């Protein structure tokens, strides 16, 4: 009887070890899990496993485009240095890349919507080019290496959007009609702000910044 119990116990322990290994592999091997939006008939990045240096987002799955990254999908991926977005990617939800401190470069040329604090504390990010209409609050806050920001067709810049970055010069396009309070708070090296929007003439916050120039035609 005792021998039988030992055999059973050994079998249970063996099964637990196997399950543990499977779970460890499931959560630590780098991979991207996708979800399907039945209403929009598109796929999205749901969860990201592992902590790889690089990830590639698929263009499509079963001939349906991958158009979105869900909230917190890449949050705290401390080893992430580069991310390859598909041309179909249009939306990045809030906090998606929060604290990805090694992320150096991103191509947002096709992205139409970025959620709040999506890239907060990406301290290695150096340059971004944005064509989306609304830059929400805290989007790039704490990106302490961010020096170059190019804005195209921007309608609004939210509060703290570029707070505590290393921007030295920025041009706010004529399309922009709203710049939130403290959008550039803590930007100690910001010494030139060119404002081309007639709607922002007399804006109290912008006038308080160093090196502001209104170039309204």
N, C-alpha and C. Protein backbone atom coordinates (compact mmCIF):
# COMPACT_ATOMS: atom_id res chain seq x y z
N UNK A 1 0.83 -1.21 0.00
CA UNK A 1 0.00 0.00 0.00
C UNK A 1 0.86 1.26 0.00
N UNK A 2 1.93 1.21 0.84
CA UNK A 2 2.81 2.38 0.93
C UNK A 2 3.48 2.64 -0.42
N UNK A 3 3.91 1.55 -1.08
CA UNK A 3 4.55 1.67 -2.38
C UNK A 3 3.61 2.30 -3.40
N UNK A 4 2.33 1.91 -3.28
CA UNK A 4 1.33 2.44 -4.19
C UNK A 4 1.16 3.94 -3.99
N UNK A 5 1.17 4.36 -2.69
CA UNK A 5 1.03 5.79 -2.38
C UNK A 5 2.23 6.57 -2.90
N UNK A 6 3.40 5.99 -2.81
CA UNK A 6 4.62 6.65 -3.29
C UNK A 6 4.55 6.84 -4.81
N UNK A 7 4.06 5.82 -5.49
CA UNK A 7 3.92 5.89 -6.95
C UNK A 7 2.94 6.99 -7.34
N UNK A 8 1.81 7.02 -6.62
CA UNK A 8 0.79 8.05 -6.89
C UNK A 8 1.34 9.45 -6.64
N UNK A 9 2.05 9.59 -5.50
CA UNK A 9 2.63 10.88 -5.15
C UNK A 9 3.65 11.33 -6.20
N UNK A 10 4.47 10.38 -6.65
CA UNK A 10 5.47 10.69 -7.67
C UNK A 10 4.80 11.13 -8.97
N UNK A 11 3.69 10.49 -9.30
CA UNK A 11 2.95 10.83 -10.52
C UNK A 11 2.37 12.24 -10.42
N UNK A 12 1.83 12.56 -9.22
CA UNK A 12 1.25 13.90 -9.00
C UNK A 12 2.33 14.97 -9.10
N UNK A 13 3.47 14.69 -8.45
CA UNK A 13 4.59 15.65 -8.48
C UNK A 13 5.08 15.84 -9.91
N UNK A 14 5.18 14.73 -10.65
CA UNK A 14 5.62 14.80 -12.04
C UNK A 14 4.67 15.63 -12.89
N UNK A 15 3.35 15.44 -12.66
CA UNK A 15 2.35 16.19 -13.41
C UNK A 15 2.42 17.68 -13.08
N UNK A 16 2.64 17.98 -11.78
CA UNK A 16 2.76 19.38 -11.37
C UNK A 16 3.98 20.05 -12.00
N UNK A 17 5.06 19.31 -12.08
CA UNK A 17 6.29 19.85 -12.71
C UNK A 17 6.03 20.15 -14.18
N UNK A 18 5.36 19.22 -14.86
CA UNK A 18 5.06 19.42 -16.28
C UNK A 18 4.16 20.63 -16.49
N UNK A 19 3.12 20.75 -15.65
CA UNK A 19 2.20 21.89 -15.74
C UNK A 19 2.95 23.20 -15.49
N UNK A 20 3.86 23.17 -14.49
CA UNK A 20 4.64 24.37 -14.15
C UNK A 20 5.50 24.80 -15.33
N UNK A 21 6.13 23.82 -15.97
CA UNK A 21 6.97 24.12 -17.14
C UNK A 21 6.16 24.71 -18.27
N UNK A 22 4.99 24.13 -18.50
CA UNK A 22 4.10 24.62 -19.55
C UNK A 22 3.67 26.06 -19.27
N UNK A 23 3.31 26.34 -18.01
CA UNK A 23 2.88 27.68 -17.65
C UNK A 23 4.02 28.69 -17.78
N UNK A 24 5.22 28.28 -17.36
CA UNK A 24 6.38 29.17 -17.47
C UNK A 24 6.65 29.51 -18.94
N UNK A 25 6.60 28.49 -19.79
CA UNK A 25 6.81 28.71 -21.22
C UNK A 25 5.72 29.60 -21.81
N UNK A 26 4.48 29.37 -21.37
CA UNK A 26 3.34 30.13 -21.89
C UNK A 26 3.49 31.62 -21.61
N UNK A 27 3.96 31.96 -20.42
CA UNK A 27 4.02 33.36 -20.03
C UNK A 27 5.36 34.03 -20.31
N UNK A 28 6.42 33.27 -20.57
CA UNK A 28 7.74 33.88 -20.74
C UNK A 28 8.28 33.83 -22.17
N UNK A 29 7.85 32.89 -22.97
CA UNK A 29 8.32 32.86 -24.35
C UNK A 29 7.71 34.04 -25.11
N UNK A 30 8.54 34.87 -25.74
CA UNK A 30 8.03 36.07 -26.44
C UNK A 30 7.03 35.73 -27.55
N UNK A 31 5.88 36.33 -27.46
CA UNK A 31 4.86 36.14 -28.49
C UNK A 31 3.77 37.18 -28.29
N UNK A 32 2.99 37.38 -29.33
CA UNK A 32 1.88 38.32 -29.28
C UNK A 32 0.57 37.55 -29.42
N UNK A 33 -0.36 37.84 -28.53
CA UNK A 33 -1.68 37.23 -28.59
C UNK A 33 -2.66 38.23 -29.21
N UNK A 34 -3.43 37.78 -30.19
CA UNK A 34 -4.35 38.66 -30.91
C UNK A 34 -5.80 38.33 -30.56
N UNK A 35 -6.64 39.36 -30.60
CA UNK A 35 -8.07 39.18 -30.41
C UNK A 35 -8.82 39.65 -31.65
N UNK A 36 -10.08 39.28 -31.74
CA UNK A 36 -10.88 39.63 -32.92
C UNK A 36 -12.07 40.49 -32.53
N UNK A 37 -12.24 41.60 -33.24
CA UNK A 37 -13.37 42.49 -33.04
C UNK A 37 -14.43 42.13 -34.07
N UNK A 38 -15.47 41.44 -33.64
CA UNK A 38 -16.49 40.96 -34.56
C UNK A 38 -17.26 42.09 -35.22
N UNK A 39 -17.46 43.18 -34.48
CA UNK A 39 -18.22 44.30 -35.04
C UNK A 39 -17.44 45.01 -36.15
N UNK A 40 -16.16 45.26 -35.89
CA UNK A 40 -15.33 45.95 -36.88
C UNK A 40 -14.72 45.00 -37.90
N UNK A 41 -14.76 43.69 -37.59
CA UNK A 41 -14.17 42.67 -38.45
C UNK A 41 -12.67 42.91 -38.63
N UNK A 42 -12.01 43.23 -37.53
CA UNK A 42 -10.57 43.46 -37.53
C UNK A 42 -9.95 42.76 -36.32
N UNK A 43 -8.64 42.56 -36.37
CA UNK A 43 -7.92 41.99 -35.25
C UNK A 43 -7.19 43.08 -34.48
N UNK A 44 -6.82 42.77 -33.24
CA UNK A 44 -6.07 43.70 -32.40
C UNK A 44 -5.05 42.95 -31.55
N UNK A 45 -4.00 43.66 -31.15
CA UNK A 45 -3.02 43.10 -30.24
C UNK A 45 -3.63 43.10 -28.85
N UNK A 46 -3.82 41.92 -28.28
CA UNK A 46 -4.49 41.80 -26.99
C UNK A 46 -3.49 41.77 -25.84
N UNK A 47 -2.58 40.81 -25.86
CA UNK A 47 -1.59 40.68 -24.81
C UNK A 47 -0.23 40.32 -25.43
N UNK A 48 0.83 40.72 -24.74
CA UNK A 48 2.18 40.44 -25.20
C UNK A 48 2.90 39.66 -24.10
N UNK A 49 3.48 38.53 -24.46
CA UNK A 49 4.16 37.68 -23.48
C UNK A 49 5.67 37.75 -23.68
N UNK A 50 6.40 37.44 -22.62
CA UNK A 50 7.85 37.51 -22.67
C UNK A 50 8.32 38.95 -22.53
N UNK A 51 9.62 39.14 -22.73
CA UNK A 51 10.21 40.48 -22.61
C UNK A 51 11.34 40.59 -23.62
N UNK A 52 11.00 40.47 -24.89
CA UNK A 52 11.98 40.43 -25.96
C UNK A 52 12.48 41.83 -26.32
N UNK A 53 13.57 41.87 -27.06
CA UNK A 53 14.12 43.14 -27.53
C UNK A 53 13.29 43.71 -28.67
N UNK A 54 12.66 42.83 -29.45
CA UNK A 54 11.93 43.28 -30.62
C UNK A 54 10.67 42.44 -30.82
N UNK A 55 9.61 43.09 -31.29
CA UNK A 55 8.37 42.40 -31.64
C UNK A 55 7.89 42.91 -33.01
N UNK A 56 7.22 42.03 -33.74
CA UNK A 56 6.65 42.40 -35.04
C UNK A 56 5.15 42.16 -34.99
N UNK A 57 4.39 43.20 -35.28
CA UNK A 57 2.93 43.09 -35.30
C UNK A 57 2.49 42.68 -36.71
N UNK A 58 1.68 41.68 -36.79
CA UNK A 58 1.23 41.17 -38.09
C UNK A 58 0.40 42.20 -38.85
N UNK A 59 0.50 42.15 -40.16
CA UNK A 59 -0.31 43.02 -41.02
C UNK A 59 -1.78 42.60 -40.96
N UNK A 60 -2.00 41.29 -41.02
CA UNK A 60 -3.37 40.78 -41.04
C UNK A 60 -3.38 39.33 -40.56
N UNK A 61 -4.56 38.86 -40.20
CA UNK A 61 -4.79 37.48 -39.80
C UNK A 61 -6.05 37.00 -40.51
N UNK A 62 -5.96 35.90 -41.22
CA UNK A 62 -7.10 35.37 -41.98
C UNK A 62 -7.70 36.45 -42.89
N UNK A 63 -6.82 37.21 -43.52
CA UNK A 63 -7.21 38.27 -44.46
C UNK A 63 -7.97 39.43 -43.80
N UNK A 64 -7.89 39.52 -42.47
CA UNK A 64 -8.48 40.64 -41.74
C UNK A 64 -7.35 41.48 -41.14
N UNK A 65 -7.38 42.80 -41.29
CA UNK A 65 -6.26 43.64 -40.82
C UNK A 65 -6.14 43.70 -39.30
N UNK A 66 -4.90 43.85 -38.84
CA UNK A 66 -4.63 44.11 -37.42
C UNK A 66 -4.53 45.62 -37.27
N UNK A 67 -5.51 46.24 -36.60
CA UNK A 67 -5.62 47.70 -36.62
C UNK A 67 -5.38 48.38 -35.27
N UNK A 68 -5.25 47.59 -34.19
CA UNK A 68 -5.23 48.23 -32.87
C UNK A 68 -4.33 47.49 -31.89
N UNK A 69 -3.76 48.27 -30.95
CA UNK A 69 -3.03 47.71 -29.81
C UNK A 69 -3.83 48.05 -28.56
N UNK A 70 -4.22 47.05 -27.81
CA UNK A 70 -5.05 47.27 -26.63
C UNK A 70 -4.26 47.90 -25.48
N UNK A 71 -5.01 48.47 -24.56
CA UNK A 71 -4.43 49.13 -23.39
C UNK A 71 -3.50 48.19 -22.62
N UNK A 72 -2.31 48.71 -22.26
CA UNK A 72 -1.33 48.01 -21.42
C UNK A 72 -0.66 46.81 -22.09
N UNK A 73 -0.86 46.62 -23.38
CA UNK A 73 -0.34 45.43 -24.05
C UNK A 73 1.17 45.26 -23.90
N UNK A 74 1.94 46.36 -24.07
CA UNK A 74 3.39 46.30 -23.97
C UNK A 74 3.91 46.96 -22.69
N UNK A 75 3.06 47.28 -21.78
CA UNK A 75 3.45 48.00 -20.56
C UNK A 75 4.53 47.25 -19.79
N UNK A 76 5.56 48.00 -19.38
CA UNK A 76 6.66 47.48 -18.55
C UNK A 76 7.51 46.43 -19.25
N UNK A 77 7.54 46.43 -20.57
CA UNK A 77 8.46 45.54 -21.29
C UNK A 77 9.83 46.21 -21.30
N UNK A 78 10.61 45.93 -20.28
CA UNK A 78 11.85 46.66 -20.02
C UNK A 78 12.95 46.39 -21.04
N UNK A 79 12.86 45.30 -21.80
CA UNK A 79 13.88 44.99 -22.81
C UNK A 79 13.52 45.47 -24.21
N UNK A 80 12.31 45.94 -24.39
CA UNK A 80 11.83 46.32 -25.72
C UNK A 80 12.60 47.51 -26.27
N UNK A 81 13.26 47.29 -27.43
CA UNK A 81 14.01 48.36 -28.08
C UNK A 81 13.36 48.82 -29.38
N UNK A 82 12.73 47.89 -30.07
CA UNK A 82 12.09 48.26 -31.33
C UNK A 82 10.80 47.47 -31.52
N UNK A 83 9.84 48.13 -32.16
CA UNK A 83 8.55 47.52 -32.43
C UNK A 83 8.19 47.81 -33.89
N UNK A 84 7.86 46.77 -34.62
CA UNK A 84 7.54 46.93 -36.03
C UNK A 84 6.02 46.96 -36.19
N UNK A 85 5.50 48.15 -36.46
CA UNK A 85 4.07 48.30 -36.66
C UNK A 85 3.70 47.92 -38.09
N UNK A 86 2.51 47.36 -38.25
CA UNK A 86 2.03 47.08 -39.60
C UNK A 86 1.45 48.36 -40.20
N UNK A 87 1.33 48.39 -41.51
CA UNK A 87 0.75 49.55 -42.18
C UNK A 87 -0.73 49.70 -41.86
N UNK A 88 -1.34 48.63 -41.38
CA UNK A 88 -2.77 48.66 -41.06
C UNK A 88 -3.06 49.20 -39.66
N UNK A 89 -2.01 49.36 -38.85
CA UNK A 89 -2.22 49.78 -37.47
C UNK A 89 -2.69 51.23 -37.41
N UNK A 90 -3.85 51.46 -36.79
CA UNK A 90 -4.43 52.80 -36.74
C UNK A 90 -4.61 53.33 -35.32
N UNK A 91 -4.70 52.45 -34.34
CA UNK A 91 -5.02 52.90 -32.99
C UNK A 91 -4.13 52.23 -31.93
N UNK A 92 -3.65 53.05 -31.01
CA UNK A 92 -2.89 52.57 -29.86
C UNK A 92 -3.61 53.06 -28.61
N UNK A 93 -4.08 52.16 -27.79
CA UNK A 93 -4.86 52.55 -26.62
C UNK A 93 -3.96 53.03 -25.47
N UNK A 94 -4.57 53.58 -24.45
CA UNK A 94 -3.88 54.19 -23.32
C UNK A 94 -2.94 53.21 -22.61
N UNK A 95 -1.80 53.73 -22.17
CA UNK A 95 -0.81 52.99 -21.38
C UNK A 95 -0.19 51.81 -22.13
N UNK A 96 -0.37 51.76 -23.43
CA UNK A 96 0.08 50.59 -24.19
C UNK A 96 1.57 50.33 -24.08
N UNK A 97 2.39 51.40 -24.01
CA UNK A 97 3.84 51.24 -23.94
C UNK A 97 4.43 51.92 -22.70
N UNK A 98 3.64 52.08 -21.68
CA UNK A 98 4.10 52.71 -20.46
C UNK A 98 5.34 52.02 -19.90
N UNK A 99 6.37 52.83 -19.59
CA UNK A 99 7.60 52.32 -18.95
C UNK A 99 8.42 51.39 -19.82
N UNK A 100 8.30 51.49 -21.13
CA UNK A 100 9.20 50.74 -22.02
C UNK A 100 10.46 51.58 -22.18
N UNK A 101 11.34 51.47 -21.22
CA UNK A 101 12.44 52.42 -21.08
C UNK A 101 13.56 52.26 -22.11
N UNK A 102 13.58 51.19 -22.86
CA UNK A 102 14.62 51.01 -23.88
C UNK A 102 14.11 51.25 -25.30
N UNK A 103 12.83 51.54 -25.44
CA UNK A 103 12.25 51.77 -26.77
C UNK A 103 12.84 53.04 -27.37
N UNK A 104 13.53 52.92 -28.50
CA UNK A 104 14.27 54.04 -29.07
C UNK A 104 13.59 54.70 -30.26
N UNK A 105 12.86 53.92 -31.05
CA UNK A 105 12.32 54.47 -32.28
C UNK A 105 10.99 53.82 -32.62
N UNK A 106 10.04 54.64 -33.07
CA UNK A 106 8.73 54.12 -33.48
C UNK A 106 8.26 54.86 -34.73
N UNK A 107 7.54 54.16 -35.57
CA UNK A 107 6.97 54.76 -36.77
C UNK A 107 5.46 54.87 -36.57
N UNK A 108 5.00 56.11 -36.37
CA UNK A 108 3.58 56.34 -36.09
C UNK A 108 2.87 56.99 -37.28
N UNK A 109 3.47 56.88 -38.45
CA UNK A 109 2.96 57.60 -39.61
C UNK A 109 1.55 57.19 -40.03
N UNK A 110 1.16 55.95 -39.73
CA UNK A 110 -0.18 55.49 -40.12
C UNK A 110 -1.17 55.49 -38.96
N UNK A 111 -0.69 55.85 -37.77
CA UNK A 111 -1.54 55.80 -36.58
C UNK A 111 -2.43 57.04 -36.50
N UNK A 112 -3.72 56.81 -36.32
CA UNK A 112 -4.69 57.90 -36.28
C UNK A 112 -5.16 58.25 -34.88
N UNK A 113 -4.92 57.37 -33.93
CA UNK A 113 -5.39 57.60 -32.56
C UNK A 113 -4.43 56.97 -31.55
N UNK A 114 -4.02 57.78 -30.56
CA UNK A 114 -3.16 57.30 -29.48
C UNK A 114 -3.79 57.68 -28.15
N UNK A 115 -3.96 56.72 -27.27
CA UNK A 115 -4.61 56.96 -25.98
C UNK A 115 -3.71 57.68 -25.00
N UNK A 116 -4.30 58.13 -23.91
CA UNK A 116 -3.57 58.86 -22.87
C UNK A 116 -2.41 58.04 -22.30
N UNK A 117 -1.30 58.71 -22.10
CA UNK A 117 -0.12 58.12 -21.46
C UNK A 117 0.39 56.87 -22.17
N UNK A 118 0.11 56.76 -23.44
CA UNK A 118 0.47 55.55 -24.18
C UNK A 118 1.97 55.28 -24.19
N UNK A 119 2.78 56.34 -24.26
CA UNK A 119 4.24 56.19 -24.30
C UNK A 119 4.91 56.86 -23.11
N UNK A 120 4.20 57.03 -22.04
CA UNK A 120 4.77 57.68 -20.86
C UNK A 120 5.99 56.91 -20.34
N UNK A 121 7.03 57.68 -20.00
CA UNK A 121 8.26 57.12 -19.43
C UNK A 121 9.01 56.19 -20.37
N UNK A 122 8.86 56.38 -21.68
CA UNK A 122 9.72 55.69 -22.64
C UNK A 122 10.99 56.53 -22.75
N UNK A 123 11.89 56.36 -21.82
CA UNK A 123 12.98 57.29 -21.61
C UNK A 123 14.09 57.23 -22.66
N UNK A 124 14.06 56.26 -23.56
CA UNK A 124 15.06 56.19 -24.63
C UNK A 124 14.53 56.69 -25.97
N UNK A 125 13.23 56.99 -26.03
CA UNK A 125 12.61 57.45 -27.27
C UNK A 125 13.16 58.83 -27.64
N UNK A 126 13.63 58.97 -28.88
CA UNK A 126 14.33 60.20 -29.27
C UNK A 126 13.56 61.08 -30.25
N UNK A 127 12.72 60.50 -31.09
CA UNK A 127 12.04 61.30 -32.11
C UNK A 127 10.70 60.68 -32.46
N UNK A 128 9.71 61.55 -32.73
CA UNK A 128 8.40 61.08 -33.19
C UNK A 128 7.87 62.03 -34.26
N UNK A 129 7.16 61.45 -35.21
CA UNK A 129 6.48 62.22 -36.25
C UNK A 129 5.01 61.85 -36.17
N UNK A 130 4.17 62.86 -35.93
CA UNK A 130 2.76 62.60 -35.64
C UNK A 130 1.85 63.24 -36.68
N UNK A 131 0.95 62.42 -37.24
CA UNK A 131 -0.04 62.93 -38.19
C UNK A 131 -1.46 62.84 -37.63
N UNK A 132 -1.60 62.30 -36.42
CA UNK A 132 -2.93 62.19 -35.82
C UNK A 132 -3.45 63.56 -35.41
N UNK A 133 -4.75 63.70 -35.35
CA UNK A 133 -5.36 65.00 -35.10
C UNK A 133 -5.26 65.44 -33.64
N UNK A 134 -5.48 64.53 -32.72
CA UNK A 134 -5.51 64.88 -31.31
C UNK A 134 -4.45 64.12 -30.53
N UNK A 135 -3.56 64.87 -29.88
CA UNK A 135 -2.54 64.29 -29.02
C UNK A 135 -3.04 64.43 -27.59
N UNK A 136 -3.39 63.33 -26.98
CA UNK A 136 -4.06 63.37 -25.69
C UNK A 136 -3.10 63.60 -24.53
N UNK A 137 -3.67 63.86 -23.38
CA UNK A 137 -2.90 64.18 -22.19
C UNK A 137 -1.90 63.11 -21.80
N UNK A 138 -0.65 63.54 -21.52
CA UNK A 138 0.38 62.65 -21.01
C UNK A 138 0.92 61.64 -21.99
N UNK A 139 0.60 61.78 -23.28
CA UNK A 139 0.98 60.77 -24.26
C UNK A 139 2.46 60.45 -24.24
N UNK A 140 3.31 61.48 -24.19
CA UNK A 140 4.76 61.29 -24.21
C UNK A 140 5.42 61.85 -22.95
N UNK A 141 4.67 62.00 -21.91
CA UNK A 141 5.20 62.57 -20.67
C UNK A 141 6.31 61.68 -20.10
N UNK A 142 7.39 62.33 -19.68
CA UNK A 142 8.49 61.59 -19.07
C UNK A 142 9.42 60.92 -20.05
N UNK A 143 9.25 61.17 -21.36
CA UNK A 143 10.18 60.63 -22.37
C UNK A 143 11.40 61.55 -22.39
N UNK A 144 12.28 61.34 -21.46
CA UNK A 144 13.34 62.30 -21.16
C UNK A 144 14.38 62.45 -22.27
N UNK A 145 14.45 61.53 -23.22
CA UNK A 145 15.39 61.64 -24.34
C UNK A 145 14.74 62.19 -25.61
N UNK A 146 13.44 62.44 -25.56
CA UNK A 146 12.71 62.89 -26.74
C UNK A 146 13.11 64.31 -27.10
N UNK A 147 13.78 64.47 -28.25
CA UNK A 147 14.26 65.77 -28.70
C UNK A 147 13.50 66.32 -29.89
N UNK A 148 13.15 65.44 -30.81
CA UNK A 148 12.54 65.90 -32.06
C UNK A 148 11.08 65.46 -32.16
N UNK A 149 10.20 66.44 -32.31
CA UNK A 149 8.77 66.17 -32.47
C UNK A 149 8.26 66.94 -33.68
N UNK A 150 7.75 66.23 -34.67
CA UNK A 150 7.20 66.85 -35.87
C UNK A 150 5.69 66.64 -35.88
N UNK A 151 4.95 67.73 -36.00
CA UNK A 151 3.49 67.68 -35.95
C UNK A 151 2.89 68.06 -37.31
N UNK A 152 1.93 67.25 -37.77
CA UNK A 152 1.25 67.52 -39.03
C UNK A 152 -0.26 67.34 -38.83
N UNK A 153 -1.02 68.36 -39.22
CA UNK A 153 -2.49 68.31 -39.15
C UNK A 153 -3.02 68.20 -37.73
N UNK A 154 -2.23 68.59 -36.75
CA UNK A 154 -2.63 68.50 -35.35
C UNK A 154 -3.75 69.50 -35.04
N UNK A 155 -4.80 69.02 -34.37
CA UNK A 155 -5.90 69.89 -33.96
C UNK A 155 -5.78 70.29 -32.49
N UNK A 156 -5.27 69.39 -31.67
CA UNK A 156 -5.16 69.70 -30.24
C UNK A 156 -4.00 68.94 -29.60
N UNK A 157 -3.43 69.57 -28.57
CA UNK A 157 -2.36 68.97 -27.79
C UNK A 157 -2.82 68.98 -26.33
N UNK A 158 -2.93 67.83 -25.72
CA UNK A 158 -3.47 67.72 -24.38
C UNK A 158 -2.50 68.13 -23.29
N UNK A 159 -3.01 68.32 -22.11
CA UNK A 159 -2.20 68.68 -20.95
C UNK A 159 -1.14 67.61 -20.67
N UNK A 160 0.07 68.05 -20.39
CA UNK A 160 1.20 67.18 -20.05
C UNK A 160 1.61 66.26 -21.20
N UNK A 161 1.12 66.50 -22.41
CA UNK A 161 1.39 65.61 -23.54
C UNK A 161 2.89 65.39 -23.76
N UNK A 162 3.67 66.47 -23.66
CA UNK A 162 5.12 66.39 -23.86
C UNK A 162 5.88 66.83 -22.61
N UNK A 163 5.26 66.70 -21.47
CA UNK A 163 5.88 67.13 -20.23
C UNK A 163 7.14 66.33 -19.89
N UNK A 164 8.16 67.04 -19.43
CA UNK A 164 9.40 66.42 -18.97
C UNK A 164 10.12 65.65 -20.08
N UNK A 165 10.11 66.23 -21.27
CA UNK A 165 10.88 65.68 -22.39
C UNK A 165 12.09 66.58 -22.64
N UNK A 166 12.87 66.24 -23.65
CA UNK A 166 14.09 66.99 -23.96
C UNK A 166 13.93 67.82 -25.23
N UNK A 167 12.69 68.19 -25.55
CA UNK A 167 12.42 69.00 -26.74
C UNK A 167 13.12 70.34 -26.62
N UNK A 168 13.80 70.72 -27.69
CA UNK A 168 14.47 72.02 -27.72
C UNK A 168 13.71 73.03 -28.57
N UNK A 169 13.05 72.52 -29.59
CA UNK A 169 12.31 73.39 -30.52
C UNK A 169 11.11 72.63 -31.05
N UNK A 170 9.99 73.32 -31.20
CA UNK A 170 8.79 72.67 -31.75
C UNK A 170 7.97 73.69 -32.52
N UNK A 171 7.35 73.23 -33.59
CA UNK A 171 6.45 74.07 -34.39
C UNK A 171 5.03 73.55 -34.25
N UNK A 172 4.14 74.43 -33.81
CA UNK A 172 2.73 74.07 -33.68
C UNK A 172 2.02 74.52 -34.95
N UNK A 173 1.48 73.58 -35.72
CA UNK A 173 0.92 73.91 -37.04
C UNK A 173 -0.34 74.77 -36.99
N UNK A 174 -0.67 75.33 -38.13
CA UNK A 174 -1.81 76.25 -38.22
C UNK A 174 -3.14 75.55 -37.99
N UNK A 175 -3.15 74.23 -38.09
CA UNK A 175 -4.39 73.47 -37.87
C UNK A 175 -4.77 73.38 -36.40
N UNK A 176 -3.82 73.63 -35.52
CA UNK A 176 -4.03 73.43 -34.08
C UNK A 176 -4.81 74.58 -33.46
N UNK A 177 -5.82 74.25 -32.68
CA UNK A 177 -6.64 75.28 -32.04
C UNK A 177 -6.65 75.17 -30.51
N UNK A 178 -5.97 74.15 -29.98
CA UNK A 178 -5.99 73.97 -28.53
C UNK A 178 -4.67 73.35 -28.04
N UNK A 179 -4.06 74.02 -27.07
CA UNK A 179 -2.89 73.47 -26.39
C UNK A 179 -3.21 73.46 -24.91
N UNK A 180 -3.26 72.28 -24.32
CA UNK A 180 -3.64 72.14 -22.93
C UNK A 180 -2.61 72.71 -21.97
N UNK A 181 -3.07 73.06 -20.80
CA UNK A 181 -2.19 73.61 -19.76
C UNK A 181 -1.11 72.59 -19.40
N UNK A 182 0.12 73.10 -19.29
CA UNK A 182 1.27 72.27 -18.92
C UNK A 182 1.63 71.22 -19.97
N UNK A 183 1.26 71.46 -21.21
CA UNK A 183 1.60 70.52 -22.28
C UNK A 183 3.10 70.30 -22.39
N UNK A 184 3.88 71.35 -22.03
CA UNK A 184 5.34 71.27 -22.13
C UNK A 184 6.01 71.50 -20.77
N UNK A 185 5.32 71.18 -19.72
CA UNK A 185 5.88 71.39 -18.38
C UNK A 185 7.16 70.56 -18.20
N UNK A 186 8.13 71.14 -17.55
CA UNK A 186 9.36 70.42 -17.26
C UNK A 186 10.30 70.26 -18.44
N UNK A 187 9.99 70.93 -19.57
CA UNK A 187 10.87 70.87 -20.75
C UNK A 187 11.94 71.96 -20.60
N UNK A 188 12.96 71.66 -19.84
CA UNK A 188 13.94 72.65 -19.45
C UNK A 188 14.77 73.18 -20.61
N UNK A 189 14.89 72.40 -21.68
CA UNK A 189 15.71 72.82 -22.82
C UNK A 189 14.89 73.44 -23.95
N UNK A 190 13.59 73.55 -23.76
CA UNK A 190 12.73 74.14 -24.79
C UNK A 190 12.96 75.65 -24.85
N UNK A 191 13.55 76.10 -25.97
CA UNK A 191 13.85 77.53 -26.10
C UNK A 191 13.29 78.16 -27.36
N UNK A 192 12.53 77.38 -28.14
CA UNK A 192 11.91 77.96 -29.33
C UNK A 192 10.59 77.25 -29.62
N UNK A 193 9.50 78.02 -29.59
CA UNK A 193 8.18 77.48 -29.89
C UNK A 193 7.57 78.35 -30.99
N UNK A 194 7.46 77.78 -32.18
CA UNK A 194 6.89 78.51 -33.31
C UNK A 194 5.41 78.15 -33.43
N UNK A 195 4.56 79.16 -33.32
CA UNK A 195 3.12 78.94 -33.38
C UNK A 195 2.59 79.51 -34.69
N UNK A 196 2.01 78.66 -35.53
CA UNK A 196 1.51 79.10 -36.83
C UNK A 196 -0.02 79.17 -36.89
N UNK A 197 -0.64 78.92 -35.76
CA UNK A 197 -2.10 78.90 -35.71
C UNK A 197 -2.67 80.24 -35.27
N UNK A 198 -3.55 80.79 -36.08
CA UNK A 198 -4.22 82.04 -35.74
C UNK A 198 -5.09 81.86 -34.51
N UNK A 199 -5.64 80.67 -34.34
CA UNK A 199 -6.54 80.40 -33.22
C UNK A 199 -5.84 80.48 -31.87
N UNK A 200 -4.52 80.36 -31.88
CA UNK A 200 -3.77 80.35 -30.63
C UNK A 200 -3.14 81.70 -30.29
N UNK A 201 -3.44 82.71 -31.08
CA UNK A 201 -2.95 84.04 -30.76
C UNK A 201 -3.47 84.48 -29.40
N UNK A 202 -2.58 84.95 -28.56
CA UNK A 202 -2.99 85.40 -27.24
C UNK A 202 -3.18 84.29 -26.23
N UNK A 203 -2.82 83.07 -26.60
CA UNK A 203 -2.96 81.95 -25.67
C UNK A 203 -2.04 82.18 -24.46
N UNK A 204 -2.62 82.24 -23.29
CA UNK A 204 -1.86 82.59 -22.08
C UNK A 204 -0.75 81.58 -21.79
N UNK A 205 -1.06 80.30 -21.93
CA UNK A 205 -0.05 79.30 -21.62
C UNK A 205 1.12 79.37 -22.59
N UNK A 206 0.84 79.45 -23.89
CA UNK A 206 1.92 79.51 -24.88
C UNK A 206 2.78 80.76 -24.68
N UNK A 207 2.14 81.87 -24.37
CA UNK A 207 2.89 83.10 -24.16
C UNK A 207 3.82 83.02 -22.95
N UNK A 208 3.56 82.08 -22.06
CA UNK A 208 4.40 81.93 -20.87
C UNK A 208 5.66 81.11 -21.14
N UNK A 209 5.73 80.49 -22.31
CA UNK A 209 6.87 79.64 -22.64
C UNK A 209 8.04 80.46 -23.16
N UNK A 210 9.24 79.95 -22.96
CA UNK A 210 10.45 80.62 -23.46
C UNK A 210 10.53 80.52 -24.98
N UNK A 211 10.91 81.62 -25.61
CA UNK A 211 11.18 81.62 -27.05
C UNK A 211 9.97 81.42 -27.92
N UNK A 212 8.79 81.79 -27.46
CA UNK A 212 7.59 81.62 -28.30
C UNK A 212 7.56 82.67 -29.40
N UNK A 213 7.24 82.22 -30.62
CA UNK A 213 7.13 83.10 -31.78
C UNK A 213 5.82 82.80 -32.50
N UNK A 214 5.01 83.81 -32.67
CA UNK A 214 3.75 83.64 -33.41
C UNK A 214 4.00 84.03 -34.87
N UNK A 215 3.94 83.05 -35.73
CA UNK A 215 4.14 83.28 -37.17
C UNK A 215 2.84 82.97 -37.91
N UNK A 216 1.89 83.86 -37.76
CA UNK A 216 0.54 83.67 -38.31
C UNK A 216 0.41 84.44 -39.61
N UNK A 217 0.07 83.74 -40.66
CA UNK A 217 -0.12 84.41 -41.97
C UNK A 217 -1.59 84.69 -42.23
